Amino acid sequence: MAETKIVLLTFSFVVVAAVLFAGCTQTQAASKCTSFSDQFEKENCLNYMATWYQDPYACYDIKNMTLRESCLSDAVDPKKATKLKVQKNNEDRMVETIVVNDSATQTQTAQPSVETDEITICMNAEGMSKDGCIHKIAIEKLDLKMCDEILSESYRRPCITNIAIGLKKPDQCTLLKITSDQQLCNFYSGG
């Protein structure tokens, strides 16, 4: 009888410890996304972080099955993580170059708007819409003013967000109309 009590107490202790431990553990990727209350933003964050950290377990918190499958695929592909990190390093270098050039000249010169030829070339080469090409070129040049030329919100929102993140300027996030978009933008741009 005493042995049964000891076995039951030990078993109960192990079960309680496992439940408490499971509630306390969280992957590094998932912990980066806890501040988002909007499910869509949280799932996009989880997808990005799971790929960055090559942590497929973070993908299981994504309810959208299509995004979850994509996340699982990307989170076990080191080439995807490397591509993200190279892209971030390139963006950081572009920001450093812009800052150095601005401080060297000490003048604020407005960049001219993208010429129609450049947009047309993009549209023909990439098979994209005008808004898609403006979005692409604006992000490549980190030109926030170009985002104003975009008519579609589906291209305008990520244009502003990506440039604010690339420049590490959370104050640019106020140009977004939706509060949850502003929060996401602030989080990634260092705000």
C-alpha atoms as a PDB file:
ATOM      1  CA  MET A   1       0.000   0.000   0.000  1.00  0.00           C
ATOM      2  CA  ALA A   2       2.810   2.385   0.863  1.00  0.00           C
ATOM      3  CA  GLU A   3       4.576   1.519  -2.391  1.00  0.00           C
ATOM      4  CA  THR A   4       1.401   2.350  -4.345  1.00  0.00           C
ATOM      5  CA  LYS A   5       1.200   5.759  -2.657  1.00  0.00           C
ATOM      6  CA  ILE A   6       4.847   6.482  -3.476  1.00  0.00           C
ATOM      7  CA  VAL A   7       4.352   5.462  -7.104  1.00  0.00           C
ATOM      8  CA  LEU A   8       1.175   7.592  -7.358  1.00  0.00           C
ATOM      9  CA  LEU A   9       2.876  10.587  -5.729  1.00  0.00           C
ATOM     10  CA  THR A  10       5.890  10.240  -8.024  1.00  0.00           C
ATOM     11  CA  PHE A  11       3.673   9.878 -11.081  1.00  0.00           C
ATOM     12  CA  SER A  12       1.579  12.903 -10.007  1.00  0.00           C
ATOM     13  CA  PHE A  13       4.726  14.960  -9.460  1.00  0.00           C
ATOM     14  CA  VAL A  14       6.077  14.055 -12.914  1.00  0.00           C
ATOM     15  CA  VAL A  15       2.746  14.912 -14.596  1.00  0.00           C
ATOM     16  CA  VAL A  16       2.433  18.261 -12.786  1.00  0.00           C
ATOM     17  CA  ALA A  17       6.067  19.129 -13.555  1.00  0.00           C
ATOM     18  CA  ALA A  18       5.603  18.244 -17.226  1.00  0.00           C
ATOM     19  CA  VAL A  19       2.471  20.395 -17.485  1.00  0.00           C
ATOM     20  CA  LEU A  20       4.147  23.351 -15.792  1.00  0.00           C
ATOM     21  CA  PHE A  21       7.300  22.971 -17.865  1.00  0.00           C
ATOM     22  CA  ALA A  22       5.326  22.752 -21.120  1.00  0.00           C
ATOM     23  CA  GLY A  23       3.512  25.983 -20.265  1.00  0.00           C
ATOM     24  CA  CYS A  24       6.779  27.772 -19.536  1.00  0.00           C
ATOM     25  CA  THR A  25       8.729  26.709 -22.574  1.00  0.00           C
ATOM     26  CA  GLN A  26       8.492  28.698 -25.737  1.00  0.00           C
ATOM     27  CA  THR A  27      10.710  28.711 -28.748  1.00  0.00           C
ATOM     28  CA  GLN A  28      12.885  31.742 -29.399  1.00  0.00           C
ATOM     29  CA  ALA A  29      11.015  32.393 -32.637  1.00  0.00           C
ATOM     30  CA  ALA A  30       7.597  32.243 -30.972  1.00  0.00           C
ATOM     31  CA  SER A  31       8.703  34.487 -28.101  1.00  0.00           C
ATOM     32  CA  LYS A  32       9.470  37.294 -30.589  1.00  0.00           C
ATOM     33  CA  CYS A  33       5.816  37.368 -31.689  1.00  0.00           C
ATOM     34  CA  THR A  34       3.964  37.402 -28.382  1.00  0.00           C
ATOM     35  CA  SER A  35       3.311  41.151 -28.466  1.00  0.00           C
ATOM     36  CA  PHE A  36       0.928  40.912 -31.417  1.00  0.00           C
ATOM     37  CA  SER A  37      -2.742  40.706 -30.533  1.00  0.00           C
ATOM     38  CA  ASP A  38      -3.924  40.499 -34.139  1.00  0.00           C
ATOM     39  CA  GLN A  39      -3.825  36.846 -35.292  1.00  0.00           C
ATOM     40  CA  PHE A  40      -2.864  37.734 -38.901  1.00  0.00           C
ATOM     41  CA  GLU A  41       0.135  39.793 -37.770  1.00  0.00           C
ATOM     42  CA  LYS A  42       1.160  37.202 -35.209  1.00  0.00           C
ATOM     43  CA  GLU A  43       1.059  34.438 -37.814  1.00  0.00           C
ATOM     44  CA  ASN A  44       3.149  36.478 -40.268  1.00  0.00           C
ATOM     45  CA  CYS A  45       5.632  37.187 -37.490  1.00  0.00           C
ATOM     46  CA  LEU A  46       5.774  33.488 -36.582  1.00  0.00           C
ATOM     47  CA  ASN A  47       6.371  32.569 -40.222  1.00  0.00           C
ATOM     48  CA  TYR A  48       9.229  35.077 -40.512  1.00  0.00           C
ATOM     49  CA  MET A  49      10.831  34.168 -37.189  1.00  0.00           C
ATOM     50  CA  ALA A  50      10.468  30.411 -37.750  1.00  0.00           C
ATOM     51  CA  THR A  51      12.350  30.812 -41.017  1.00  0.00           C
ATOM     52  CA  TRP A  52      14.950  33.124 -39.484  1.00  0.00           C
ATOM     53  CA  TYR A  53      15.701  30.806 -36.559  1.00  0.00           C
ATOM     54  CA  GLN A  54      15.024  27.587 -38.527  1.00  0.00           C
ATOM     55  CA  ASP A  55      12.480  26.654 -35.847  1.00  0.00           C
ATOM     56  CA  PRO A  56       9.592  24.639 -37.350  1.00  0.00           C
ATOM     57  CA  TYR A  57       7.932  24.266 -33.944  1.00  0.00           C
ATOM     58  CA  ALA A  58       6.930  27.946 -34.052  1.00  0.00           C
ATOM     59  CA  CYS A  59       4.849  27.164 -37.148  1.00  0.00           C
ATOM     60  CA  TYR A  60       2.394  25.074 -35.142  1.00  0.00           C
ATOM     61  CA  ASP A  61       0.943  28.250 -33.610  1.00  0.00           C
ATOM     62  CA  ILE A  62      -0.199  29.330 -37.089  1.00  0.00           C
ATOM     63  CA  LYS A  63      -3.867  28.514 -37.632  1.00  0.00           C
ATOM     64  CA  ASN A  64      -3.919  29.272 -41.376  1.00  0.00           C
ATOM     65  CA  MET A  65      -3.067  25.880 -42.863  1.00  0.00           C
ATOM     66  CA  THR A  66      -1.619  27.246 -46.108  1.00  0.00           C
ATOM     67  CA  LEU A  67       0.692  29.611 -44.231  1.00  0.00           C
ATOM     68  CA  ARG A  68       1.561  26.847 -41.748  1.00  0.00           C
ATOM     69  CA  GLU A  69       2.616  24.497 -44.574  1.00  0.00           C
ATOM     70  CA  SER A  70       4.715  27.243 -46.141  1.00  0.00           C
ATOM     71  CA  CYS A  71       6.199  28.054 -42.736  1.00  0.00           C
ATOM     72  CA  LEU A  72       7.103  24.423 -42.063  1.00  0.00           C
ATOM     73  CA  SER A  73       8.765  24.164 -45.456  1.00  0.00           C
ATOM     74  CA  ASP A  74      10.756  27.390 -45.001  1.00  0.00           C
ATOM     75  CA  ALA A  75      11.639  26.661 -41.361  1.00  0.00           C
ATOM     76  CA  VAL A  76      13.572  23.560 -42.341  1.00  0.00           C
ATOM     77  CA  ASP A  77      15.324  25.134 -45.319  1.00  0.00           C
ATOM     78  CA  PRO A  78      18.655  26.729 -44.335  1.00  0.00           C
ATOM     79  CA  LYS A  79      18.808  28.458 -47.728  1.00  0.00           C
ATOM     80  CA  LYS A  80      15.653  30.436 -46.858  1.00  0.00           C
ATOM     81  CA  ALA A  81      17.164  31.552 -43.541  1.00  0.00           C
ATOM     82  CA  THR A  82      20.415  32.523 -45.241  1.00  0.00           C
ATOM     83  CA  LYS A  83      18.489  34.484 -47.864  1.00  0.00           C
ATOM     84  CA  LEU A  84      16.621  36.415 -45.134  1.00  0.00           C
ATOM     85  CA  LYS A  85      19.851  37.176 -43.284  1.00  0.00           C
ATOM     86  CA  VAL A  86      21.680  38.269 -46.441  1.00  0.00           C
ATOM     87  CA  GLN A  87      18.709  40.481 -47.337  1.00  0.00           C
ATOM     88  CA  LYS A  88      18.768  42.058 -43.864  1.00  0.00           C
ATOM     89  CA  ASN A  89      22.540  42.616 -44.054  1.00  0.00           C
ATOM     90  CA  ASN A  90      22.155  44.256 -47.464  1.00  0.00           C
ATOM     91  CA  GLU A  91      19.383  46.492 -46.105  1.00  0.00           C
ATOM     92  CA  ASP A  92      21.574  47.429 -43.132  1.00  0.00           C
ATOM     93  CA  ARG A  93      24.452  48.306 -45.470  1.00  0.00           C
ATOM     94  CA  MET A  94      22.126  50.410 -47.634  1.00  0.00           C
ATOM     95  CA  VAL A  95      20.973  52.307 -44.557  1.00  0.00           C
ATOM     96  CA  GLU A  96      24.587  52.869 -43.438  1.00  0.00           C
ATOM     97  CA  THR A  97      25.492  54.152 -46.905  1.00  0.00           C
ATOM     98  CA  ILE A  98      22.548  56.537 -46.930  1.00  0.00           C
ATOM     99  CA  VAL A  99      23.418  57.837 -43.461  1.00  0.00           C
ATOM    100  CA  VAL A 100      27.086  58.320 -44.394  1.00  0.00           C
ATOM    101  CA  ASN A 101      26.184  60.096 -47.634  1.00  0.00           C
ATOM    102  CA  ASP A 102      23.665  62.359 -45.880  1.00  0.00           C
ATOM    103  CA  SER A 103      26.084  63.307 -43.137  1.00  0.00           C
ATOM    104  CA  ALA A 104      28.898  63.942 -45.638  1.00  0.00           C
ATOM    105  CA  THR A 105      26.876  66.301 -47.793  1.00  0.00           C
ATOM    106  CA  GLN A 106      24.861  67.845 -44.959  1.00  0.00           C
ATOM    107  CA  THR A 107      22.150  68.670 -47.464  1.00  0.00           C
ATOM    108  CA  GLN A 108      18.710  67.240 -47.910  1.00  0.00           C
ATOM    109  CA  THR A 109      18.205  66.596 -51.564  1.00  0.00           C
ATOM    110  CA  ALA A 110      14.885  65.172 -52.638  1.00  0.00           C
ATOM    111  CA  GLN A 111      15.211  62.204 -54.920  1.00  0.00           C
ATOM    112  CA  PRO A 112      13.261  62.579 -58.117  1.00  0.00           C
ATOM    113  CA  SER A 113      10.286  60.329 -58.637  1.00  0.00           C
ATOM    114  CA  VAL A 114      10.893  57.163 -60.581  1.00  0.00           C
ATOM    115  CA  GLU A 115      10.739  57.793 -64.280  1.00  0.00           C
ATOM    116  CA  THR A 116       8.001  56.154 -66.257  1.00  0.00           C
ATOM    117  CA  ASP A 117      10.644  54.254 -68.266  1.00  0.00           C
ATOM    118  CA  GLU A 118      11.913  52.461 -65.171  1.00  0.00           C
ATOM    119  CA  ILE A 119       8.385  51.453 -64.182  1.00  0.00           C
ATOM    120  CA  THR A 120       7.599  50.328 -67.732  1.00  0.00           C
ATOM    121  CA  ILE A 121      10.785  48.250 -67.879  1.00  0.00           C
ATOM    122  CA  CYS A 122       9.851  46.633 -64.588  1.00  0.00           C
ATOM    123  CA  MET A 123       6.296  45.927 -65.737  1.00  0.00           C
ATOM    124  CA  ASN A 124       7.534  44.277 -68.942  1.00  0.00           C
ATOM    125  CA  ALA A 125      10.392  42.329 -67.361  1.00  0.00           C
ATOM    126  CA  GLU A 126       8.621  41.203 -64.212  1.00  0.00           C
ATOM    127  CA  GLY A 127       5.064  40.963 -65.537  1.00  0.00           C
ATOM    128  CA  MET A 128       3.866  43.013 -62.590  1.00  0.00           C
ATOM    129  CA  SER A 129       1.269  45.722 -62.242  1.00  0.00           C
ATOM    130  CA  LYS A 130       2.291  49.365 -62.046  1.00  0.00           C
ATOM    131  CA  ASP A 131       1.673  49.392 -58.287  1.00  0.00           C
ATOM    132  CA  GLY A 132       3.743  46.217 -57.906  1.00  0.00           C
ATOM    133  CA  CYS A 133       6.659  47.736 -59.801  1.00  0.00           C
ATOM    134  CA  ILE A 134       6.523  51.021 -57.888  1.00  0.00           C
ATOM    135  CA  HIS A 135       6.467  48.969 -54.661  1.00  0.00           C
ATOM    136  CA  LYS A 136       9.495  46.951 -55.768  1.00  0.00           C
ATOM    137  CA  ILE A 137      11.516  49.960 -56.906  1.00  0.00           C
ATOM    138  CA  ALA A 138      10.601  52.029 -53.831  1.00  0.00           C
ATOM    139  CA  ILE A 139      11.850  49.292 -51.517  1.00  0.00           C
ATOM    140  CA  GLU A 140      15.046  48.825 -53.522  1.00  0.00           C
ATOM    141  CA  LYS A 141      15.738  52.570 -53.307  1.00  0.00           C
ATOM    142  CA  LEU A 142      14.279  52.999 -49.794  1.00  0.00           C
ATOM    143  CA  ASP A 143      12.242  55.903 -51.222  1.00  0.00           C
ATOM    144  CA  LEU A 144       9.240  56.463 -48.976  1.00  0.00           C
ATOM    145  CA  LYS A 145       7.801  59.179 -51.228  1.00  0.00           C
ATOM    146  CA  MET A 146       7.308  56.623 -53.986  1.00  0.00           C
ATOM    147  CA  CYS A 147       4.873  54.732 -51.763  1.00  0.00           C
ATOM    148  CA  ASP A 148       2.480  57.695 -52.144  1.00  0.00           C
ATOM    149  CA  GLU A 149       2.259  56.937 -55.874  1.00  0.00           C
ATOM    150  CA  ILE A 150       0.833  53.472 -55.141  1.00  0.00           C
ATOM    151  CA  LEU A 151      -2.960  53.287 -55.429  1.00  0.00           C
ATOM    152  CA  SER A 152      -3.503  49.786 -54.023  1.00  0.00           C
ATOM    153  CA  GLU A 153      -3.401  49.451 -50.220  1.00  0.00           C
ATOM    154  CA  SER A 154      -2.130  45.886 -50.578  1.00  0.00           C
ATOM    155  CA  TYR A 155       1.091  47.304 -52.068  1.00  0.00           C
ATOM    156  CA  ARG A 156       1.167  50.652 -50.230  1.00  0.00           C
ATOM    157  CA  ARG A 157       1.101  49.166 -46.704  1.00  0.00           C
ATOM    158  CA  PRO A 158       4.073  46.815 -47.151  1.00  0.00           C
ATOM    159  CA  CYS A 159       5.918  49.536 -49.075  1.00  0.00           C
ATOM    160  CA  ILE A 160       5.800  51.911 -46.107  1.00  0.00           C
ATOM    161  CA  THR A 161       6.469  49.129 -43.611  1.00  0.00           C
ATOM    162  CA  ASN A 162       9.478  47.677 -45.445  1.00  0.00           C
ATOM    163  CA  ILE A 163      11.076  51.078 -45.919  1.00  0.00           C
ATOM    164  CA  ALA A 164      10.519  52.050 -42.271  1.00  0.00           C
ATOM    165  CA  ILE A 165      12.128  48.741 -41.268  1.00  0.00           C
ATOM    166  CA  GLY A 166      14.971  49.156 -43.762  1.00  0.00           C
ATOM    167  CA  LEU A 167      15.723  52.650 -42.526  1.00  0.00           C
ATOM    168  CA  LYS A 168      15.055  51.717 -38.886  1.00  0.00           C
ATOM    169  CA  LYS A 169      12.722  54.727 -38.617  1.00  0.00           C
ATOM    170  CA  PRO A 170       9.618  53.796 -36.608  1.00  0.00           C
ATOM    171  CA  ASP A 171       8.280  57.365 -36.946  1.00  0.00           C
ATOM    172  CA  GLN A 172       7.525  56.553 -40.608  1.00  0.00           C
ATOM    173  CA  CYS A 173       5.033  53.917 -39.412  1.00  0.00           C
ATOM    174  CA  THR A 174       2.534  56.683 -38.603  1.00  0.00           C
ATOM    175  CA  LEU A 175       1.868  56.953 -42.347  1.00  0.00           C
ATOM    176  CA  LEU A 176      -0.024  53.664 -42.094  1.00  0.00           C
ATOM    177  CA  LYS A 177      -3.779  53.994 -41.626  1.00  0.00           C
ATOM    178  CA  ILE A 178      -4.459  50.852 -39.574  1.00  0.00           C
ATOM    179  CA  THR A 179      -3.306  50.775 -35.951  1.00  0.00           C
ATOM    180  CA  SER A 180      -2.302  47.113 -36.071  1.00  0.00           C
ATOM    181  CA  ASP A 181      -0.156  47.826 -39.166  1.00  0.00           C
ATOM    182  CA  GLN A 182       1.526  50.651 -37.252  1.00  0.00           C
ATOM    183  CA  GLN A 183       2.249  48.320 -34.324  1.00  0.00           C
ATOM    184  CA  LEU A 184       3.771  45.670 -36.585  1.00  0.00           C
ATOM    185  CA  CYS A 185       5.842  48.306 -38.366  1.00  0.00           C
ATOM    186  CA  ASN A 186       7.029  49.796 -35.055  1.00  0.00           C
ATOM    187  CA  PHE A 187       8.011  46.366 -33.741  1.00  0.00           C
ATOM    188  CA  TYR A 188      10.238  45.513 -36.688  1.00  0.00           C
ATOM    189  CA  SER A 189      11.672  48.982 -37.251  1.00  0.00           C
ATOM    190  CA  GLY A 190      12.953  49.245 -33.713  1.00  0.00           C
ATOM    191  CA  GLY A 191      10.147  51.304 -32.164  1.00  0.00           C
END
